[in-house]
Amino acid sequence: MRDLKIILVGKIQKPFFREAFAHYLKRVRHYIPFELVEIKEIKVNDPELRRKKEGELILNRMAPKDLILAMDEQGRALSSRNLAADLVKWEEDPGFVPCFVIGGAYGMSEEVKSKAIRLISLGPMTLPHELAAVVLMEQIYRGFCINRGHPYHH
């Protein structure tokens, strides 16, 4: 793993979410190059059409080496230590880029989910995409701290 990526449908607009995300982004970049890709939300009333069009935009931003990790309420919840263990495995294989994908307000298209190597849940509650991005960044940072023996995770 040479870098890490999050693809997010929508922008992180609220200042407090932007500040929190930037805080963890700065910390994660001490360990690895990181890219945030914000995809424009599609404004249509039909949820299925919206998921499909946003899914197409997501897949268009994927590189051949991207390893898709879709954040989805139906996914498997990981502990911080499980995520840290995955980060170690990915660091040992420079051939791909872990790419966490956070869908829009109506979720993610089945096409994106079907291409994911894993569906990951942040828990049983529904979160706004901006908060989900902050929680995910904090957990990625925590994972690197666990792997490096940093006292942040105790």
C-alpha atoms as a PDB file:
ATOM      1  CA  MET A   1       0.000   0.000   0.000  1.00  0.00           C
ATOM      2  CA  ARG A   2       1.515   3.249  -1.105  1.00  0.00           C
ATOM      3  CA  ASP A   3      -1.466   5.410  -0.340  1.00  0.00           C
ATOM      4  CA  LEU A   4      -5.012   5.415   0.921  1.00  0.00           C
ATOM      5  CA  LYS A   5      -8.189   6.927  -0.504  1.00  0.00           C
ATOM      6  CA  ILE A   6     -11.721   7.841   0.569  1.00  0.00           C
ATOM      7  CA  ILE A   7     -14.372   8.486  -2.048  1.00  0.00           C
ATOM      8  CA  LEU A   8     -17.272  10.409  -0.571  1.00  0.00           C
ATOM      9  CA  VAL A   9     -20.567  11.262  -2.244  1.00  0.00           C
ATOM     10  CA  GLY A  10     -21.203  14.880  -1.307  1.00  0.00           C
ATOM     11  CA  LYS A  11     -18.917  17.429   0.252  1.00  0.00           C
ATOM     12  CA  ILE A  12     -17.923  17.868   3.858  1.00  0.00           C
ATOM     13  CA  GLN A  13     -19.637  21.221   4.230  1.00  0.00           C
ATOM     14  CA  LYS A  14     -20.309  21.880   7.896  1.00  0.00           C
ATOM     15  CA  PRO A  15     -17.295  23.661   9.407  1.00  0.00           C
ATOM     16  CA  PHE A  16     -17.093  21.440  12.504  1.00  0.00           C
ATOM     17  CA  PHE A  17     -17.042  18.278  10.376  1.00  0.00           C
ATOM     18  CA  ARG A  18     -14.455  19.840   7.997  1.00  0.00           C
ATOM     19  CA  GLU A  19     -12.237  20.766  10.946  1.00  0.00           C
ATOM     20  CA  ALA A  20     -12.502  17.315  12.516  1.00  0.00           C
ATOM     21  CA  PHE A  21     -11.821  15.578   9.203  1.00  0.00           C
ATOM     22  CA  ALA A  22      -8.831  17.870   8.508  1.00  0.00           C
ATOM     23  CA  HIS A  23      -7.481  17.154  11.995  1.00  0.00           C
ATOM     24  CA  TYR A  24      -7.380  13.385  11.411  1.00  0.00           C
ATOM     25  CA  LEU A  25      -6.325  13.764   7.784  1.00  0.00           C
ATOM     26  CA  LYS A  26      -3.238  15.687   8.877  1.00  0.00           C
ATOM     27  CA  ARG A  27      -2.406  12.948  11.387  1.00  0.00           C
ATOM     28  CA  VAL A  28      -2.959  10.109   8.899  1.00  0.00           C
ATOM     29  CA  ARG A  29      -0.692  11.832   6.376  1.00  0.00           C
ATOM     30  CA  HIS A  30       2.176  11.417   8.863  1.00  0.00           C
ATOM     31  CA  TYR A  31       1.922   7.707   8.079  1.00  0.00           C
ATOM     32  CA  ILE A  32       0.802   7.520   4.452  1.00  0.00           C
ATOM     33  CA  PRO A  33      -0.200   9.687   1.477  1.00  0.00           C
ATOM     34  CA  PHE A  34      -3.962  10.125   1.484  1.00  0.00           C
ATOM     35  CA  GLU A  35      -6.506  11.281  -1.084  1.00  0.00           C
ATOM     36  CA  LEU A  36     -10.060  12.478  -0.498  1.00  0.00           C
ATOM     37  CA  VAL A  37     -12.298  12.383  -3.573  1.00  0.00           C
ATOM     38  CA  GLU A  38     -15.621  14.186  -3.214  1.00  0.00           C
ATOM     39  CA  ILE A  39     -18.270  13.146  -5.745  1.00  0.00           C
ATOM     40  CA  LYS A  40     -21.106  15.516  -6.569  1.00  0.00           C
ATOM     41  CA  GLU A  41     -24.476  14.428  -5.184  1.00  0.00           C
ATOM     42  CA  ILE A  42     -27.072  13.762  -7.858  1.00  0.00           C
ATOM     43  CA  LYS A  43     -30.259  15.726  -7.206  1.00  0.00           C
ATOM     44  CA  VAL A  44     -33.108  13.522  -8.445  1.00  0.00           C
ATOM     45  CA  ASN A  45     -36.186  12.378  -6.525  1.00  0.00           C
ATOM     46  CA  ASP A  46     -35.919   8.699  -7.461  1.00  0.00           C
ATOM     47  CA  PRO A  47     -33.596   7.028  -4.868  1.00  0.00           C
ATOM     48  CA  GLU A  48     -32.713   4.107  -7.159  1.00  0.00           C
ATOM     49  CA  LEU A  49     -31.794   6.398 -10.046  1.00  0.00           C
ATOM     50  CA  ARG A  50     -29.788   8.576  -7.657  1.00  0.00           C
ATOM     51  CA  ARG A  51     -27.815   5.569  -6.326  1.00  0.00           C
ATOM     52  CA  LYS A  52     -27.194   4.351  -9.888  1.00  0.00           C
ATOM     53  CA  LYS A  53     -25.909   7.714 -11.174  1.00  0.00           C
ATOM     54  CA  GLU A  54     -23.769   8.333  -8.073  1.00  0.00           C
ATOM     55  CA  GLY A  55     -22.441   4.783  -8.416  1.00  0.00           C
ATOM     56  CA  GLU A  56     -21.373   5.503 -11.983  1.00  0.00           C
ATOM     57  CA  LEU A  57     -19.526   8.616 -10.798  1.00  0.00           C
ATOM     58  CA  ILE A  58     -17.832   6.595  -8.040  1.00  0.00           C
ATOM     59  CA  LEU A  59     -16.714   3.857 -10.426  1.00  0.00           C
ATOM     60  CA  ASN A  60     -15.431   6.468 -12.905  1.00  0.00           C
ATOM     61  CA  ARG A  61     -13.070   7.736 -10.183  1.00  0.00           C
ATOM     62  CA  MET A  62     -11.642   4.288  -9.475  1.00  0.00           C
ATOM     63  CA  ALA A  63      -8.160   3.428 -10.615  1.00  0.00           C
ATOM     64  CA  PRO A  64      -7.221  -0.145 -11.614  1.00  0.00           C
ATOM     65  CA  LYS A  65      -5.280  -0.625  -8.366  1.00  0.00           C
ATOM     66  CA  ASP A  66      -8.103   0.589  -6.089  1.00  0.00           C
ATOM     67  CA  LEU A  67      -9.316  -2.000  -3.613  1.00  0.00           C
ATOM     68  CA  ILE A  68     -12.959  -1.043  -2.955  1.00  0.00           C
ATOM     69  CA  LEU A  69     -14.091  -1.072   0.671  1.00  0.00           C
ATOM     70  CA  ALA A  70     -17.729   0.026   0.714  1.00  0.00           C
ATOM     71  CA  MET A  71     -19.124   1.587   3.855  1.00  0.00           C
ATOM     72  CA  ASP A  72     -22.621   0.110   4.159  1.00  0.00           C
ATOM     73  CA  GLU A  73     -25.120  -0.446   6.953  1.00  0.00           C
ATOM     74  CA  GLN A  74     -25.387  -4.104   5.888  1.00  0.00           C
ATOM     75  CA  GLY A  75     -21.624  -4.548   6.128  1.00  0.00           C
ATOM     76  CA  ARG A  76     -19.526  -6.199   8.804  1.00  0.00           C
ATOM     77  CA  ALA A  77     -18.599  -4.108  11.808  1.00  0.00           C
ATOM     78  CA  LEU A  78     -14.871  -4.075  12.521  1.00  0.00           C
ATOM     79  CA  SER A  79     -13.157  -3.377  15.793  1.00  0.00           C
ATOM     80  CA  SER A  80     -10.353  -0.814  15.775  1.00  0.00           C
ATOM     81  CA  ARG A  81      -7.855  -3.658  16.154  1.00  0.00           C
ATOM     82  CA  ASN A  82      -9.401  -5.528  13.179  1.00  0.00           C
ATOM     83  CA  LEU A  83      -9.016  -2.437  11.006  1.00  0.00           C
ATOM     84  CA  ALA A  84      -5.435  -2.011  12.247  1.00  0.00           C
ATOM     85  CA  ALA A  85      -4.686  -5.622  11.271  1.00  0.00           C
ATOM     86  CA  ASP A  86      -6.109  -4.991   7.801  1.00  0.00           C
ATOM     87  CA  LEU A  87      -3.948  -1.885   7.459  1.00  0.00           C
ATOM     88  CA  VAL A  88      -0.861  -4.007   8.226  1.00  0.00           C
ATOM     89  CA  LYS A  89      -1.830  -6.521   5.512  1.00  0.00           C
ATOM     90  CA  TRP A  90      -2.430  -3.742   3.000  1.00  0.00           C
ATOM     91  CA  GLU A  91       0.875  -2.041   3.856  1.00  0.00           C
ATOM     92  CA  GLU A  92       2.679  -5.279   3.032  1.00  0.00           C
ATOM     93  CA  ASP A  93       1.187  -5.364  -0.478  1.00  0.00           C
ATOM     94  CA  PRO A  94       2.134  -2.276  -2.500  1.00  0.00           C
ATOM     95  CA  GLY A  95       0.127  -3.464  -5.497  1.00  0.00           C
ATOM     96  CA  PHE A  96      -3.133  -1.781  -4.612  1.00  0.00           C
ATOM     97  CA  VAL A  97      -4.721   1.224  -2.908  1.00  0.00           C
ATOM     98  CA  PRO A  98      -7.367   0.684  -0.215  1.00  0.00           C
ATOM     99  CA  CYS A  99     -10.279   2.876  -1.266  1.00  0.00           C
ATOM    100  CA  PHE A 100     -13.026   3.440   1.295  1.00  0.00           C
ATOM    101  CA  VAL A 101     -16.303   4.501  -0.344  1.00  0.00           C
ATOM    102  CA  ILE A 102     -19.065   6.384   1.486  1.00  0.00           C
ATOM    103  CA  GLY A 103     -22.309   6.622  -0.469  1.00  0.00           C
ATOM    104  CA  GLY A 104     -24.819   9.432  -0.594  1.00  0.00           C
ATOM    105  CA  ALA A 105     -28.033  10.104   1.280  1.00  0.00           C
ATOM    106  CA  TYR A 106     -29.757   7.072  -0.269  1.00  0.00           C
ATOM    107  CA  GLY A 107     -26.846   4.690   0.057  1.00  0.00           C
ATOM    108  CA  MET A 108     -24.710   3.059  -2.591  1.00  0.00           C
ATOM    109  CA  SER A 109     -25.527   1.338  -5.873  1.00  0.00           C
ATOM    110  CA  GLU A 110     -25.488  -2.431  -6.059  1.00  0.00           C
ATOM    111  CA  GLU A 111     -22.886  -2.160  -8.808  1.00  0.00           C
ATOM    112  CA  VAL A 112     -20.406  -0.456  -6.460  1.00  0.00           C
ATOM    113  CA  LYS A 113     -21.190  -2.912  -3.658  1.00  0.00           C
ATOM    114  CA  SER A 114     -20.695  -5.875  -5.987  1.00  0.00           C
ATOM    115  CA  LYS A 115     -17.205  -4.637  -6.900  1.00  0.00           C
ATOM    116  CA  ALA A 116     -16.219  -4.148  -3.256  1.00  0.00           C
ATOM    117  CA  ILE A 117     -13.967  -6.713  -1.631  1.00  0.00           C
ATOM    118  CA  ARG A 118     -15.677  -5.911   1.651  1.00  0.00           C
ATOM    119  CA  LEU A 119     -18.747  -4.137   2.992  1.00  0.00           C
ATOM    120  CA  ILE A 120     -17.925  -2.391   6.268  1.00  0.00           C
ATOM    121  CA  SER A 121     -20.404  -1.004   8.780  1.00  0.00           C
ATOM    122  CA  LEU A 122     -19.610   1.781  11.240  1.00  0.00           C
ATOM    123  CA  GLY A 123     -22.394   0.425  13.434  1.00  0.00           C
ATOM    124  CA  PRO A 124     -26.149  -0.153  13.351  1.00  0.00           C
ATOM    125  CA  MET A 125     -27.079   3.543  13.486  1.00  0.00           C
ATOM    126  CA  THR A 126     -27.440   5.682  10.371  1.00  0.00           C
ATOM    127  CA  LEU A 127     -24.920   8.528  10.214  1.00  0.00           C
ATOM    128  CA  PRO A 128     -24.788  11.603   7.999  1.00  0.00           C
ATOM    129  CA  HIS A 129     -22.092  11.097   5.363  1.00  0.00           C
ATOM    130  CA  GLU A 130     -20.007  13.950   6.803  1.00  0.00           C
ATOM    131  CA  LEU A 131     -19.943  12.348  10.253  1.00  0.00           C
ATOM    132  CA  ALA A 132     -19.273   8.918   8.753  1.00  0.00           C
ATOM    133  CA  ALA A 133     -16.223  10.386   6.987  1.00  0.00           C
ATOM    134  CA  VAL A 134     -14.919  11.835  10.271  1.00  0.00           C
ATOM    135  CA  VAL A 135     -15.488   8.572  12.169  1.00  0.00           C
ATOM    136  CA  LEU A 136     -13.774   6.587   9.411  1.00  0.00           C
ATOM    137  CA  MET A 137     -10.766   8.948   9.353  1.00  0.00           C
ATOM    138  CA  GLU A 138     -10.437   8.739  13.143  1.00  0.00           C
ATOM    139  CA  GLN A 139     -10.500   4.941  12.964  1.00  0.00           C
ATOM    140  CA  ILE A 140      -7.888   4.876  10.196  1.00  0.00           C
ATOM    141  CA  TYR A 141      -5.682   7.123  12.316  1.00  0.00           C
ATOM    142  CA  ARG A 142      -6.317   4.913  15.347  1.00  0.00           C
ATOM    143  CA  GLY A 143      -5.379   1.857  13.275  1.00  0.00           C
ATOM    144  CA  PHE A 144      -2.012   3.372  12.346  1.00  0.00           C
ATOM    145  CA  CYS A 145      -1.441   4.304  16.013  1.00  0.00           C
ATOM    146  CA  ILE A 146      -2.217   0.748  17.139  1.00  0.00           C
ATOM    147  CA  ASN A 147       0.228  -0.639  14.571  1.00  0.00           C
ATOM    148  CA  ARG A 148       2.985   1.771  15.594  1.00  0.00           C
ATOM    149  CA  GLY A 149       2.503   1.361  19.364  1.00  0.00           C
ATOM    150  CA  HIS A 150       1.455   5.002  19.716  1.00  0.00           C
ATOM    151  CA  PRO A 151      -0.329   5.717  23.029  1.00  0.00           C
ATOM    152  CA  TYR A 152      -3.364   7.297  21.290  1.00  0.00           C
ATOM    153  CA  HIS A 153      -5.135   3.916  21.469  1.00  0.00           C
ATOM    154  CA  HIS A 154      -5.141   2.679  25.041  1.00  0.00           C
END
